[in-house]
Amino acid sequence: MWGMGETRVRVTAEHTNLRYQNADNVEIACVVPTGQELLVHGDIEGNWLPITPPDDIHVWIYGELVRRGRVVRDRAQLRCGPGLSFKVVGSANQGTVVETRGRSGDWVKIKPPAGLVVWVSRTAVTVLPTNAPSEIAPLPADLATGLLTALQDHTNPPAAATSATNLVAPPRLPPAVVFTTNRAPRTDLPRALATLPLTDSPLQGRHMRFHGTLRAAVPGATAAPARYRLTSADRSGGIGTLCQVVANSDAFAALPAGTVIVLEGPAWWLKNEANPVVLLESFTVK
């Protein structure tokens, strides 16, 4: 959820551009729809507002500058595309932890590191009161009870269930997930995932219930043929992806982007990907 006292804005213009720098003539980082909430990372004065990057945004770094998930050189340049012809949009110092999202040749696509911001025109948003409710729906109280407050090492098996449902926050997910233990894990991989490399997590195939906001999948964010993803507020106040969603049919065709739903299905963790892939079995609109 959003933190107390943080400045939030809501997009009021259609197809609003977030840019890597505070000017109209620079590269577009992503396009956000009307109604999306953003977290301001700094002052709200002036014609442009610094924004915590939503999960859709990524930057690129030369592959040899990253070892074991960390930057190995100070002032390593971050670019808006995979090559020297793309503009520099920031830098990272030695030791910075990076989350890899893909690769193109010698270049690695990463989540923007802490401190890097994108910019939105002040005319495209309205500032929300600090006590305004967020569009991100919280978990019902009965489900929220028992959620772990810290992430668990997914190399260790889940704790034994003490009731029909044991609440666990899987690794690298915002705490808006319910891990159900009253169903056996699925051992056969769906055809869509059969050729993709999996981690050795003991959570593979477990049935999960996710509560979040339905959005289109980010192109290139997963090797799975996922057309949709579910999102929630991440720990920095931005929009974080909970899971990628694979469905046997276009079950969400009639739902507009931004619909809050609870979905359930078996989940798998792919190598080099931050979010699980869920095979949709059922969902309800909240």
C-alpha atoms as a PDB file:
ATOM      1  CA  MET A   1       0.000   0.000   0.000  1.00  0.00           C
ATOM      2  CA  TRP A   2       0.992   3.591  -0.339  1.00  0.00           C
ATOM      3  CA  GLY A   3       2.981   5.039   2.532  1.00  0.00           C
ATOM      4  CA  MET A   4       1.591   7.726   4.800  1.00  0.00           C
ATOM      5  CA  GLY A   5       2.519  11.240   3.739  1.00  0.00           C
ATOM      6  CA  GLU A   6       3.747  10.230   0.289  1.00  0.00           C
ATOM      7  CA  THR A   7       2.675  12.421  -2.602  1.00  0.00           C
ATOM      8  CA  ARG A   8       0.536  10.598  -5.143  1.00  0.00           C
ATOM      9  CA  VAL A   9      -0.839  11.852  -8.412  1.00  0.00           C
ATOM     10  CA  ARG A  10      -3.490  10.416 -10.691  1.00  0.00           C
ATOM     11  CA  VAL A  11      -3.220  10.612 -14.461  1.00  0.00           C
ATOM     12  CA  THR A  12      -6.046  12.696 -15.927  1.00  0.00           C
ATOM     13  CA  ALA A  13      -4.970  12.914 -19.584  1.00  0.00           C
ATOM     14  CA  GLU A  14      -5.328  10.093 -22.099  1.00  0.00           C
ATOM     15  CA  HIS A  15      -2.227   8.170 -23.190  1.00  0.00           C
ATOM     16  CA  THR A  16       0.127  10.147 -20.968  1.00  0.00           C
ATOM     17  CA  ASN A  17       3.842   9.796 -21.698  1.00  0.00           C
ATOM     18  CA  LEU A  18       6.378   9.202 -18.962  1.00  0.00           C
ATOM     19  CA  ARG A  19       9.777  10.404 -20.155  1.00  0.00           C
ATOM     20  CA  TYR A  20      13.344   9.705 -19.125  1.00  0.00           C
ATOM     21  CA  GLN A  21      14.032  13.429 -18.750  1.00  0.00           C
ATOM     22  CA  ASN A  22      11.921  16.491 -18.009  1.00  0.00           C
ATOM     23  CA  ALA A  23      11.323  17.696 -21.563  1.00  0.00           C
ATOM     24  CA  ASP A  24       8.904  16.969 -24.401  1.00  0.00           C
ATOM     25  CA  ASN A  25      11.609  16.134 -26.927  1.00  0.00           C
ATOM     26  CA  VAL A  26      13.267  13.234 -25.085  1.00  0.00           C
ATOM     27  CA  GLU A  27      12.624   9.485 -25.247  1.00  0.00           C
ATOM     28  CA  ILE A  28       9.354   8.100 -23.931  1.00  0.00           C
ATOM     29  CA  ALA A  29       9.811   5.545 -21.134  1.00  0.00           C
ATOM     30  CA  CYS A  30       6.225   4.266 -21.274  1.00  0.00           C
ATOM     31  CA  VAL A  31       2.632   5.368 -21.799  1.00  0.00           C
ATOM     32  CA  VAL A  32       0.199   5.250 -18.883  1.00  0.00           C
ATOM     33  CA  PRO A  33      -3.615   5.268 -19.054  1.00  0.00           C
ATOM     34  CA  THR A  34      -6.078   7.701 -17.520  1.00  0.00           C
ATOM     35  CA  GLY A  35      -6.658   6.933 -13.859  1.00  0.00           C
ATOM     36  CA  GLN A  36      -3.301   5.317 -13.095  1.00  0.00           C
ATOM     37  CA  GLU A  37      -1.735   6.468  -9.853  1.00  0.00           C
ATOM     38  CA  LEU A  38       1.928   7.429  -9.656  1.00  0.00           C
ATOM     39  CA  LEU A  39       4.241   8.185  -6.755  1.00  0.00           C
ATOM     40  CA  VAL A  40       6.121  11.485  -6.867  1.00  0.00           C
ATOM     41  CA  HIS A  41       9.818  11.078  -6.024  1.00  0.00           C
ATOM     42  CA  GLY A  42      10.587  14.628  -4.951  1.00  0.00           C
ATOM     43  CA  ASP A  43       9.005  18.068  -5.170  1.00  0.00           C
ATOM     44  CA  ILE A  44       5.717  18.773  -6.947  1.00  0.00           C
ATOM     45  CA  GLU A  45       6.757  22.237  -8.104  1.00  0.00           C
ATOM     46  CA  GLY A  46       7.459  23.111 -11.713  1.00  0.00           C
ATOM     47  CA  ASN A  47       6.153  21.880 -15.044  1.00  0.00           C
ATOM     48  CA  TRP A  48       7.506  18.327 -14.656  1.00  0.00           C
ATOM     49  CA  LEU A  49       7.194  15.896 -11.760  1.00  0.00           C
ATOM     50  CA  PRO A  50       9.792  13.213 -10.913  1.00  0.00           C
ATOM     51  CA  ILE A  51       8.053   9.833 -10.681  1.00  0.00           C
ATOM     52  CA  THR A  52       9.051   6.470  -9.229  1.00  0.00           C
ATOM     53  CA  PRO A  53       9.233   4.270 -12.362  1.00  0.00           C
ATOM     54  CA  PRO A  54       6.252   1.913 -12.793  1.00  0.00           C
ATOM     55  CA  ASP A  55       7.025  -1.752 -13.330  1.00  0.00           C
ATOM     56  CA  ASP A  56       6.558  -1.403 -17.110  1.00  0.00           C
ATOM     57  CA  ILE A  57       9.753   0.631 -17.404  1.00  0.00           C
ATOM     58  CA  HIS A  58      13.228  -0.803 -17.889  1.00  0.00           C
ATOM     59  CA  VAL A  59      16.702   0.479 -18.757  1.00  0.00           C
ATOM     60  CA  TRP A  60      19.750  -1.152 -20.346  1.00  0.00           C
ATOM     61  CA  ILE A  61      23.304  -1.661 -19.149  1.00  0.00           C
ATOM     62  CA  TYR A  62      26.317  -3.146 -20.919  1.00  0.00           C
ATOM     63  CA  GLY A  63      26.485  -6.794 -19.873  1.00  0.00           C
ATOM     64  CA  GLU A  64      30.146  -6.800 -18.825  1.00  0.00           C
ATOM     65  CA  LEU A  65      29.351  -4.183 -16.194  1.00  0.00           C
ATOM     66  CA  VAL A  66      27.155  -6.631 -14.260  1.00  0.00           C
ATOM     67  CA  ARG A  67      28.407  -9.655 -12.311  1.00  0.00           C
ATOM     68  CA  ARG A  68      26.223 -11.847 -10.124  1.00  0.00           C
ATOM     69  CA  GLY A  69      23.427  -9.297 -10.086  1.00  0.00           C
ATOM     70  CA  ARG A  70      25.596  -6.310  -9.119  1.00  0.00           C
ATOM     71  CA  VAL A  71      27.205  -3.434 -11.003  1.00  0.00           C
ATOM     72  CA  VAL A  72      31.011  -3.757 -10.986  1.00  0.00           C
ATOM     73  CA  ARG A  73      32.026  -0.195 -11.922  1.00  0.00           C
ATOM     74  CA  ASP A  74      31.159   3.287 -10.685  1.00  0.00           C
ATOM     75  CA  ARG A  75      29.113   5.587 -12.920  1.00  0.00           C
ATOM     76  CA  ALA A  76      28.065   2.723 -15.195  1.00  0.00           C
ATOM     77  CA  GLN A  77      25.837   4.234 -17.849  1.00  0.00           C
ATOM     78  CA  LEU A  78      22.191   3.250 -18.132  1.00  0.00           C
ATOM     79  CA  ARG A  79      20.589   3.688 -21.538  1.00  0.00           C
ATOM     80  CA  CYS A  80      17.055   3.661 -22.886  1.00  0.00           C
ATOM     81  CA  GLY A  81      17.888   0.911 -25.386  1.00  0.00           C
ATOM     82  CA  PRO A  82      20.399  -1.904 -26.032  1.00  0.00           C
ATOM     83  CA  GLY A  83      23.232  -0.048 -27.746  1.00  0.00           C
ATOM     84  CA  LEU A  84      25.537   2.954 -27.730  1.00  0.00           C
ATOM     85  CA  SER A  85      23.214   4.756 -30.133  1.00  0.00           C
ATOM     86  CA  PHE A  86      20.568   5.029 -27.393  1.00  0.00           C
ATOM     87  CA  LYS A  87      20.677   7.967 -25.016  1.00  0.00           C
ATOM     88  CA  VAL A  88      22.053   7.744 -21.493  1.00  0.00           C
ATOM     89  CA  VAL A  89      19.207   8.088 -18.963  1.00  0.00           C
ATOM     90  CA  GLY A  90      21.132   7.589 -15.728  1.00  0.00           C
ATOM     91  CA  SER A  91      23.994   5.777 -14.056  1.00  0.00           C
ATOM     92  CA  ALA A  92      24.675   3.216 -11.338  1.00  0.00           C
ATOM     93  CA  ASN A  93      27.659   2.852  -9.045  1.00  0.00           C
ATOM     94  CA  GLN A  94      29.674  -0.215  -8.143  1.00  0.00           C
ATOM     95  CA  GLY A  95      27.768  -2.611  -5.916  1.00  0.00           C
ATOM     96  CA  THR A  96      24.309  -1.547  -7.065  1.00  0.00           C
ATOM     97  CA  VAL A  97      21.975  -4.542  -7.096  1.00  0.00           C
ATOM     98  CA  VAL A  98      20.148  -4.958 -10.396  1.00  0.00           C
ATOM     99  CA  GLU A  99      17.119  -7.036 -11.350  1.00  0.00           C
ATOM    100  CA  THR A 100      17.612  -8.570 -14.785  1.00  0.00           C
ATOM    101  CA  ARG A 101      14.618  -8.641 -17.129  1.00  0.00           C
ATOM    102  CA  GLY A 102      16.128  -9.804 -20.386  1.00  0.00           C
ATOM    103  CA  ARG A 103      19.051  -9.523 -22.757  1.00  0.00           C
ATOM    104  CA  SER A 104      19.814  -8.316 -26.266  1.00  0.00           C
ATOM    105  CA  GLY A 105      23.266  -9.189 -27.528  1.00  0.00           C
ATOM    106  CA  ASP A 106      25.850  -7.683 -25.167  1.00  0.00           C
ATOM    107  CA  TRP A 107      23.239  -5.593 -23.336  1.00  0.00           C
ATOM    108  CA  VAL A 108      21.167  -6.497 -20.280  1.00  0.00           C
ATOM    109  CA  LYS A 109      17.675  -5.155 -19.633  1.00  0.00           C
ATOM    110  CA  ILE A 110      17.164  -4.285 -15.953  1.00  0.00           C
ATOM    111  CA  LYS A 111      14.641  -2.766 -13.599  1.00  0.00           C
ATOM    112  CA  PRO A 112      15.509   0.902 -12.969  1.00  0.00           C
ATOM    113  CA  PRO A 113      17.677   0.987  -9.826  1.00  0.00           C
ATOM    114  CA  ALA A 114      16.640   2.962  -6.765  1.00  0.00           C
ATOM    115  CA  GLY A 115      17.023   6.691  -7.283  1.00  0.00           C
ATOM    116  CA  LEU A 116      16.368   6.723 -11.014  1.00  0.00           C
ATOM    117  CA  VAL A 117      13.183   8.616 -11.844  1.00  0.00           C
ATOM    118  CA  VAL A 118      11.035   9.269 -14.880  1.00  0.00           C
ATOM    119  CA  TRP A 119       9.076  12.429 -15.532  1.00  0.00           C
ATOM    120  CA  VAL A 120       5.447  13.341 -16.164  1.00  0.00           C
ATOM    121  CA  SER A 121       4.016  16.663 -17.267  1.00  0.00           C
ATOM    122  CA  ARG A 122       2.268  18.501 -14.434  1.00  0.00           C
ATOM    123  CA  THR A 123      -0.626  19.245 -16.771  1.00  0.00           C
ATOM    124  CA  ALA A 124      -1.366  15.528 -17.255  1.00  0.00           C
ATOM    125  CA  VAL A 125      -1.966  14.689 -13.584  1.00  0.00           C
ATOM    126  CA  THR A 126      -3.792  15.846 -10.492  1.00  0.00           C
ATOM    127  CA  VAL A 127      -2.257  15.712  -7.029  1.00  0.00           C
ATOM    128  CA  LEU A 128      -4.169  13.504  -4.594  1.00  0.00           C
ATOM    129  CA  PRO A 129      -4.729  14.295  -0.914  1.00  0.00           C
ATOM    130  CA  THR A 130      -2.495  12.260   1.387  1.00  0.00           C
ATOM    131  CA  ASN A 131      -5.526  10.472   2.841  1.00  0.00           C
ATOM    132  CA  ALA A 132      -7.153   9.673  -0.518  1.00  0.00           C
ATOM    133  CA  PRO A 133      -7.848   5.939  -1.015  1.00  0.00           C
ATOM    134  CA  SER A 134      -5.623   4.195  -3.538  1.00  0.00           C
ATOM    135  CA  GLU A 135      -6.960   2.399  -6.597  1.00  0.00           C
ATOM    136  CA  ILE A 136      -5.041  -0.650  -5.341  1.00  0.00           C
ATOM    137  CA  ALA A 137      -7.542  -2.696  -3.384  1.00  0.00           C
ATOM    138  CA  PRO A 138      -6.228  -4.126  -0.098  1.00  0.00           C
ATOM    139  CA  LEU A 139      -6.593  -7.749   0.844  1.00  0.00           C
ATOM    140  CA  PRO A 140      -9.697  -8.586   2.895  1.00  0.00           C
ATOM    141  CA  ALA A 141      -8.890  -8.583   6.598  1.00  0.00           C
ATOM    142  CA  ASP A 142      -9.426 -12.312   7.005  1.00  0.00           C
ATOM    143  CA  LEU A 143      -6.890 -13.034   4.267  1.00  0.00           C
ATOM    144  CA  ALA A 144      -4.399 -10.384   5.299  1.00  0.00           C
ATOM    145  CA  THR A 145      -4.129 -11.914   8.779  1.00  0.00           C
ATOM    146  CA  GLY A 146      -1.097 -14.125   8.891  1.00  0.00           C
ATOM    147  CA  LEU A 147       0.737 -12.772   5.855  1.00  0.00           C
ATOM    148  CA  LEU A 148       4.441 -12.832   6.514  1.00  0.00           C
ATOM    149  CA  THR A 149       5.989  -9.419   6.989  1.00  0.00           C
ATOM    150  CA  ALA A 150       9.321 -10.520   5.547  1.00  0.00           C
ATOM    151  CA  LEU A 151      10.137 -12.487   2.447  1.00  0.00           C
ATOM    152  CA  GLN A 152      11.105 -16.124   2.918  1.00  0.00           C
ATOM    153  CA  ASP A 153      13.952 -17.912   1.205  1.00  0.00           C
ATOM    154  CA  HIS A 154      12.172 -19.985  -1.443  1.00  0.00           C
ATOM    155  CA  THR A 155      14.888 -22.620  -1.278  1.00  0.00           C
ATOM    156  CA  ASN A 156      13.347 -23.734   2.007  1.00  0.00           C
ATOM    157  CA  PRO A 157      10.035 -25.638   1.991  1.00  0.00           C
ATOM    158  CA  PRO A 158       6.974 -23.713   3.224  1.00  0.00           C
ATOM    159  CA  ALA A 159       6.098 -24.092   6.874  1.00  0.00           C
ATOM    160  CA  ALA A 160       3.566 -26.769   7.683  1.00  0.00           C
ATOM    161  CA  ALA A 161      -0.034 -25.603   7.483  1.00  0.00           C
ATOM    162  CA  THR A 162      -1.918 -25.182  10.729  1.00  0.00           C
ATOM    163  CA  SER A 163      -5.268 -24.724   8.996  1.00  0.00           C
ATOM    164  CA  ALA A 164      -6.855 -25.172   5.581  1.00  0.00           C
ATOM    165  CA  THR A 165      -5.007 -22.131   4.269  1.00  0.00           C
ATOM    166  CA  ASN A 166      -1.463 -21.145   5.142  1.00  0.00           C
ATOM    167  CA  LEU A 167      -0.562 -17.591   4.169  1.00  0.00           C
ATOM    168  CA  VAL A 168       2.890 -17.138   2.685  1.00  0.00           C
ATOM    169  CA  ALA A 169       4.516 -14.341   0.677  1.00  0.00           C
ATOM    170  CA  PRO A 170       6.597 -16.017  -2.082  1.00  0.00           C
ATOM    171  CA  PRO A 171       9.983 -14.521  -2.959  1.00  0.00           C
ATOM    172  CA  ARG A 172      10.128 -11.165  -4.762  1.00  0.00           C
ATOM    173  CA  LEU A 173       6.362 -10.621  -4.601  1.00  0.00           C
ATOM    174  CA  PRO A 174       4.555  -7.770  -2.873  1.00  0.00           C
ATOM    175  CA  PRO A 175       2.637  -9.171   0.124  1.00  0.00           C
ATOM    176  CA  ALA A 176      -0.718  -9.460  -1.636  1.00  0.00           C
ATOM    177  CA  VAL A 177      -0.648 -13.176  -2.307  1.00  0.00           C
ATOM    178  CA  VAL A 178      -2.318 -16.072  -0.563  1.00  0.00           C
ATOM    179  CA  PHE A 179      -0.599 -19.437  -0.826  1.00  0.00           C
ATOM    180  CA  THR A 180      -3.209 -22.184  -0.488  1.00  0.00           C
ATOM    181  CA  THR A 181      -2.142 -25.562   0.824  1.00  0.00           C
ATOM    182  CA  ASN A 182      -5.396 -27.472   0.610  1.00  0.00           C
ATOM    183  CA  ARG A 183      -4.702 -28.570  -2.973  1.00  0.00           C
ATOM    184  CA  ALA A 184      -1.886 -30.768  -4.178  1.00  0.00           C
ATOM    185  CA  PRO A 185       0.731 -29.138  -6.434  1.00  0.00           C
ATOM    186  CA  ARG A 186       0.296 -29.664 -10.147  1.00  0.00           C
ATOM    187  CA  THR A 187       3.114 -31.899 -11.387  1.00  0.00           C
ATOM    188  CA  ASP A 188       2.475 -31.738 -15.146  1.00  0.00           C
ATOM    189  CA  LEU A 189       3.576 -28.594 -16.910  1.00  0.00           C
ATOM    190  CA  PRO A 190       1.112 -26.797 -19.192  1.00  0.00           C
ATOM    191  CA  ARG A 191       2.085 -26.979 -22.852  1.00  0.00           C
ATOM    192  CA  ALA A 192       2.806 -23.237 -22.853  1.00  0.00           C
ATOM    193  CA  LEU A 193       5.577 -23.735 -20.263  1.00  0.00           C
ATOM    194  CA  ALA A 194       6.867 -27.164 -21.270  1.00  0.00           C
ATOM    195  CA  THR A 195      10.049 -25.907 -22.965  1.00  0.00           C
ATOM    196  CA  LEU A 196      10.893 -23.111 -20.514  1.00  0.00           C
ATOM    197  CA  PRO A 197      13.576 -23.472 -17.787  1.00  0.00           C
ATOM    198  CA  LEU A 198      12.267 -23.539 -14.207  1.00  0.00           C
ATOM    199  CA  THR A 199      13.969 -22.738 -10.923  1.00  0.00           C
ATOM    200  CA  ASP A 200      14.322 -25.402  -8.241  1.00  0.00           C
ATOM    201  CA  SER A 201      11.755 -23.726  -5.984  1.00  0.00           C
ATOM    202  CA  PRO A 202       9.599 -26.109  -3.904  1.00  0.00           C
ATOM    203  CA  LEU A 203       6.680 -23.809  -4.714  1.00  0.00           C
ATOM    204  CA  GLN A 204       6.535 -24.981  -8.343  1.00  0.00           C
ATOM    205  CA  GLY A 205       3.018 -25.972  -9.346  1.00  0.00           C
ATOM    206  CA  ARG A 206       1.446 -24.846  -6.096  1.00  0.00           C
ATOM    207  CA  HIS A 207      -2.011 -23.340  -6.336  1.00  0.00           C
ATOM    208  CA  MET A 208      -1.893 -19.628  -5.556  1.00  0.00           C
ATOM    209  CA  ARG A 209      -4.498 -16.933  -5.134  1.00  0.00           C
ATOM    210  CA  PHE A 210      -3.514 -13.417  -6.249  1.00  0.00           C
ATOM    211  CA  HIS A 211      -5.420 -10.204  -5.492  1.00  0.00           C
ATOM    212  CA  GLY A 212      -4.496  -7.232  -7.653  1.00  0.00           C
ATOM    213  CA  THR A 213      -5.140  -5.035 -10.669  1.00  0.00           C
ATOM    214  CA  LEU A 214      -5.420  -6.563 -14.144  1.00  0.00           C
ATOM    215  CA  ARG A 215      -3.123  -5.035 -16.758  1.00  0.00           C
ATOM    216  CA  ALA A 216      -1.677  -6.006 -20.130  1.00  0.00           C
ATOM    217  CA  ALA A 217       1.585  -7.938 -20.049  1.00  0.00           C
ATOM    218  CA  VAL A 218       4.771  -5.976 -20.716  1.00  0.00           C
ATOM    219  CA  PRO A 219       6.286  -7.143 -24.030  1.00  0.00           C
ATOM    220  CA  GLY A 220       9.483  -9.078 -23.407  1.00  0.00           C
ATOM    221  CA  ALA A 221       8.989  -9.243 -19.622  1.00  0.00           C
ATOM    222  CA  THR A 222       8.496 -13.020 -19.661  1.00  0.00           C
ATOM    223  CA  ALA A 223       9.299 -15.922 -21.953  1.00  0.00           C
ATOM    224  CA  ALA A 224       5.850 -17.376 -21.254  1.00  0.00           C
ATOM    225  CA  PRO A 225       2.993 -16.531 -23.681  1.00  0.00           C
ATOM    226  CA  ALA A 226       1.270 -14.317 -21.124  1.00  0.00           C
ATOM    227  CA  ARG A 227      -1.087 -11.625 -22.426  1.00  0.00           C
ATOM    228  CA  TYR A 228      -1.932 -10.278 -18.982  1.00  0.00           C
ATOM    229  CA  ARG A 229      -0.378  -9.644 -15.592  1.00  0.00           C
ATOM    230  CA  LEU A 230      -1.674  -8.779 -12.154  1.00  0.00           C
ATOM    231  CA  THR A 231      -0.202  -5.800 -10.301  1.00  0.00           C
ATOM    232  CA  SER A 232      -0.234  -4.192  -6.879  1.00  0.00           C
ATOM    233  CA  ALA A 233       1.617  -1.413  -5.087  1.00  0.00           C
ATOM    234  CA  ASP A 234       5.254  -2.397  -4.591  1.00  0.00           C
ATOM    235  CA  ARG A 235       7.415  -1.510  -1.587  1.00  0.00           C
ATOM    236  CA  SER A 236       8.627   1.730  -3.139  1.00  0.00           C
ATOM    237  CA  GLY A 237       5.087   2.914  -3.845  1.00  0.00           C
ATOM    238  CA  GLY A 238       5.178   2.198  -7.560  1.00  0.00           C
ATOM    239  CA  ILE A 239       3.233  -0.360  -9.555  1.00  0.00           C
ATOM    240  CA  GLY A 240       4.727  -3.834  -9.106  1.00  0.00           C
ATOM    241  CA  THR A 241       3.882  -6.998 -11.021  1.00  0.00           C
ATOM    242  CA  LEU A 242       2.539  -9.857  -8.888  1.00  0.00           C
ATOM    243  CA  CYS A 243       2.382 -12.486 -11.613  1.00  0.00           C
ATOM    244  CA  GLN A 244       2.145 -13.129 -15.337  1.00  0.00           C
ATOM    245  CA  VAL A 245      -1.080 -14.823 -16.424  1.00  0.00           C
ATOM    246  CA  VAL A 246      -1.466 -17.574 -19.017  1.00  0.00           C
ATOM    247  CA  ALA A 247      -5.017 -18.567 -19.966  1.00  0.00           C
ATOM    248  CA  ASN A 248      -6.346 -21.239 -22.312  1.00  0.00           C
ATOM    249  CA  SER A 249      -8.820 -18.689 -23.680  1.00  0.00           C
ATOM    250  CA  ASP A 250      -9.146 -14.918 -23.615  1.00  0.00           C
ATOM    251  CA  ALA A 251     -11.004 -14.967 -20.307  1.00  0.00           C
ATOM    252  CA  PHE A 252     -10.366 -11.267 -19.708  1.00  0.00           C
ATOM    253  CA  ALA A 253     -11.548 -10.000 -23.106  1.00  0.00           C
ATOM    254  CA  ALA A 254     -14.581  -8.226 -21.624  1.00  0.00           C
ATOM    255  CA  LEU A 255     -12.680  -6.668 -18.713  1.00  0.00           C
ATOM    256  CA  PRO A 256     -11.141  -3.205 -19.026  1.00  0.00           C
ATOM    257  CA  ALA A 257      -7.537  -2.696 -17.958  1.00  0.00           C
ATOM    258  CA  GLY A 258      -7.436  -1.613 -14.335  1.00  0.00           C
ATOM    259  CA  THR A 259     -10.082  -4.068 -13.121  1.00  0.00           C
ATOM    260  CA  VAL A 260      -9.339  -5.397  -9.632  1.00  0.00           C
ATOM    261  CA  ILE A 261      -9.693  -9.165  -9.486  1.00  0.00           C
ATOM    262  CA  VAL A 262      -8.791 -12.220  -7.440  1.00  0.00           C
ATOM    263  CA  LEU A 263      -7.469 -15.058  -9.582  1.00  0.00           C
ATOM    264  CA  GLU A 264      -6.368 -18.568  -8.739  1.00  0.00           C
ATOM    265  CA  GLY A 265      -4.286 -21.211 -10.435  1.00  0.00           C
ATOM    266  CA  PRO A 266      -1.044 -23.170 -10.256  1.00  0.00           C
ATOM    267  CA  ALA A 267       2.116 -21.044 -10.398  1.00  0.00           C
ATOM    268  CA  TRP A 268       5.600 -21.688 -11.748  1.00  0.00           C
ATOM    269  CA  TRP A 269       8.847 -19.740 -11.376  1.00  0.00           C
ATOM    270  CA  LEU A 270      11.006 -19.404 -14.489  1.00  0.00           C
ATOM    271  CA  LYS A 271      14.754 -18.920 -14.385  1.00  0.00           C
ATOM    272  CA  ASN A 272      15.946 -15.307 -14.678  1.00  0.00           C
ATOM    273  CA  GLU A 273      12.423 -13.939 -14.217  1.00  0.00           C
ATOM    274  CA  ALA A 274      11.222 -12.021 -11.187  1.00  0.00           C
ATOM    275  CA  ASN A 275       7.549 -12.987 -11.243  1.00  0.00           C
ATOM    276  CA  PRO A 276       5.747 -16.328 -11.316  1.00  0.00           C
ATOM    277  CA  VAL A 277       3.630 -17.424 -14.245  1.00  0.00           C
ATOM    278  CA  VAL A 278       0.104 -18.512 -13.282  1.00  0.00           C
ATOM    279  CA  LEU A 279      -2.154 -20.753 -15.337  1.00  0.00           C
ATOM    280  CA  LEU A 280      -5.586 -19.208 -14.858  1.00  0.00           C
ATOM    281  CA  GLU A 281      -8.183 -21.562 -13.397  1.00  0.00           C
ATOM    282  CA  SER A 282     -10.724 -19.128 -11.977  1.00  0.00           C
ATOM    283  CA  PHE A 283     -11.166 -15.453 -11.142  1.00  0.00           C
ATOM    284  CA  THR A 284     -13.655 -13.079  -9.589  1.00  0.00           C
ATOM    285  CA  VAL A 285     -14.028  -9.317 -10.072  1.00  0.00           C
ATOM    286  CA  LYS A 286     -13.747  -7.353  -6.840  1.00  0.00           C
END
